């Protein structure tokens, strides 16, 4: 049985997410110098989403 084309996920279409996962936010903060290893991971400051 085949899968209908509307149900297949397209790897070419990537939508810009408006929320980052915690590890992504930590990586962004490390690049900006606003996070150091050993700091708590709860209550992180907001970061802008990159494309």
N, C-alpha and C. Protein backbone atom coordinates (compact mmCIF):
# COMPACT_ATOMS: atom_id res chain seq x y z
N UNK A 1 0.84 -1.17 0.00
CA UNK A 1 0.00 0.00 0.00
C UNK A 1 0.88 1.24 0.00
N UNK A 2 0.56 2.20 -0.82
CA UNK A 2 1.39 3.40 -0.92
C UNK A 2 0.84 4.51 -0.04
N UNK A 3 1.70 5.45 0.23
CA UNK A 3 1.34 6.60 1.06
C UNK A 3 0.90 7.74 0.17
N UNK A 4 -0.20 8.40 0.54
CA UNK A 4 -0.72 9.51 -0.25
C UNK A 4 0.31 10.64 -0.27
N UNK A 5 0.44 11.32 -1.40
CA UNK A 5 1.48 12.35 -1.55
C UNK A 5 1.32 13.51 -0.58
N UNK A 6 0.11 13.78 -0.11
CA UNK A 6 -0.08 14.89 0.82
C UNK A 6 0.42 14.55 2.22
N UNK A 7 0.62 13.26 2.50
CA UNK A 7 1.06 12.85 3.83
C UNK A 7 2.57 12.67 3.91
N UNK A 8 3.24 12.71 2.80
CA UNK A 8 4.68 12.56 2.80
C UNK A 8 5.33 13.86 3.25
N UNK A 9 6.36 13.74 4.04
CA UNK A 9 7.10 14.91 4.47
C UNK A 9 8.11 15.30 3.41
N UNK A 10 8.19 16.56 3.14
CA UNK A 10 9.13 17.03 2.14
C UNK A 10 10.38 17.55 2.84
N UNK A 11 11.52 17.01 2.49
CA UNK A 11 12.76 17.47 3.10
C UNK A 11 13.21 18.80 2.50
N UNK A 12 12.68 19.17 1.35
CA UNK A 12 13.07 20.42 0.70
C UNK A 12 12.40 21.63 1.35
N UNK A 13 11.20 21.45 1.84
CA UNK A 13 10.46 22.56 2.44
C UNK A 13 10.78 22.62 3.93
N UNK A 14 11.46 23.68 4.34
CA UNK A 14 11.78 23.88 5.74
C UNK A 14 11.16 25.19 6.19
N UNK A 15 10.26 25.11 7.13
CA UNK A 15 9.61 26.30 7.64
C UNK A 15 10.46 26.89 8.76
N UNK A 16 10.53 28.19 8.82
CA UNK A 16 11.28 28.86 9.88
C UNK A 16 10.51 28.72 11.18
N UNK A 17 11.18 28.11 12.17
CA UNK A 17 10.52 27.92 13.46
C UNK A 17 10.64 29.19 14.28
N UNK A 18 9.64 29.47 15.10
CA UNK A 18 9.69 30.68 15.92
C UNK A 18 10.14 30.38 17.35
N UNK A 19 10.46 29.12 17.63
CA UNK A 19 10.91 28.73 18.96
C UNK A 19 12.13 27.82 18.80
N UNK A 20 13.16 28.06 19.59
CA UNK A 20 14.34 27.22 19.57
C UNK A 20 14.29 26.22 20.71
N UNK A 21 14.89 25.07 20.52
CA UNK A 21 15.01 24.10 21.59
C UNK A 21 16.10 24.60 22.54
N UNK A 22 16.12 24.05 23.75
CA UNK A 22 17.02 24.55 24.78
C UNK A 22 18.48 24.47 24.32
N UNK A 23 18.88 23.35 23.72
CA UNK A 23 20.28 23.21 23.32
C UNK A 23 20.63 24.19 22.20
N UNK A 24 19.66 24.54 21.37
CA UNK A 24 19.90 25.53 20.32
C UNK A 24 20.09 26.92 20.92
N UNK A 25 19.28 27.24 21.93
CA UNK A 25 19.41 28.53 22.59
C UNK A 25 20.74 28.64 23.31
N UNK A 26 21.18 27.55 23.93
CA UNK A 26 22.46 27.56 24.63
C UNK A 26 23.59 27.79 23.65
N UNK A 27 23.52 27.14 22.47
CA UNK A 27 24.55 27.34 21.45
C UNK A 27 24.60 28.79 20.99
N UNK A 28 23.44 29.40 20.80
CA UNK A 28 23.39 30.81 20.37
C UNK A 28 23.98 31.70 21.46
N UNK A 29 23.61 31.44 22.71
CA UNK A 29 24.11 32.26 23.81
C UNK A 29 25.62 32.09 23.98
N UNK A 30 26.14 30.87 23.76
CA UNK A 30 27.59 30.65 23.86
C UNK A 30 28.32 31.46 22.79
N UNK A 31 27.77 31.49 21.57
CA UNK A 31 28.40 32.25 20.49
C UNK A 31 28.43 33.74 20.81
N UNK A 32 27.38 34.21 21.49
CA UNK A 32 27.31 35.62 21.86
C UNK A 32 28.09 35.94 23.14
N UNK A 33 28.56 34.90 23.83
CA UNK A 33 29.31 35.10 25.07
C UNK A 33 28.43 35.39 26.27
N UNK A 34 27.17 35.03 26.19
CA UNK A 34 26.22 35.31 27.27
C UNK A 34 25.94 34.08 28.13
N UNK A 35 26.57 32.95 27.80
CA UNK A 35 26.38 31.72 28.57
C UNK A 35 27.72 31.03 28.73
N UNK A 36 27.99 30.57 29.94
CA UNK A 36 29.21 29.83 30.20
C UNK A 36 28.85 28.45 30.74
N UNK A 37 29.71 27.50 30.47
CA UNK A 37 29.49 26.13 30.91
C UNK A 37 29.32 26.09 32.42
N UNK A 38 28.32 25.38 32.88
CA UNK A 38 28.07 25.27 34.31
C UNK A 38 26.93 26.14 34.80
N UNK A 39 26.48 27.09 34.00
CA UNK A 39 25.33 27.91 34.39
C UNK A 39 24.07 27.06 34.33
N UNK A 40 23.05 27.49 35.05
CA UNK A 40 21.80 26.74 35.01
C UNK A 40 21.13 26.89 33.65
N UNK A 41 20.39 25.86 33.27
CA UNK A 41 19.76 25.85 31.94
C UNK A 41 18.30 26.27 32.01
N UNK A 42 17.80 26.53 33.18
CA UNK A 42 16.41 26.98 33.31
C UNK A 42 16.39 28.50 33.35
N UNK A 43 15.41 29.10 32.73
CA UNK A 43 15.28 30.55 32.75
C UNK A 43 16.29 31.24 31.87
N UNK A 44 16.58 30.67 30.71
CA UNK A 44 17.54 31.28 29.80
C UNK A 44 16.94 32.55 29.20
N UNK A 45 17.79 33.53 28.86
CA UNK A 45 17.28 34.72 28.21
C UNK A 45 16.79 34.41 26.81
N UNK A 46 15.93 35.27 26.29
CA UNK A 46 15.40 35.08 24.95
C UNK A 46 16.48 35.30 23.92
N UNK A 47 16.34 34.60 22.79
CA UNK A 47 17.28 34.76 21.69
C UNK A 47 16.48 34.93 20.40
N UNK A 48 17.06 35.62 19.44
CA UNK A 48 16.41 35.76 18.15
C UNK A 48 16.61 34.48 17.34
N UNK A 49 15.62 34.13 16.55
CA UNK A 49 15.69 32.93 15.74
C UNK A 49 16.44 33.26 14.45
N UNK A 50 17.41 32.40 14.13
CA UNK A 50 18.17 32.57 12.89
C UNK A 50 17.57 31.71 11.82
N UNK A 51 17.78 32.09 10.60
CA UNK A 51 17.24 31.31 9.49
C UNK A 51 18.12 30.13 9.17
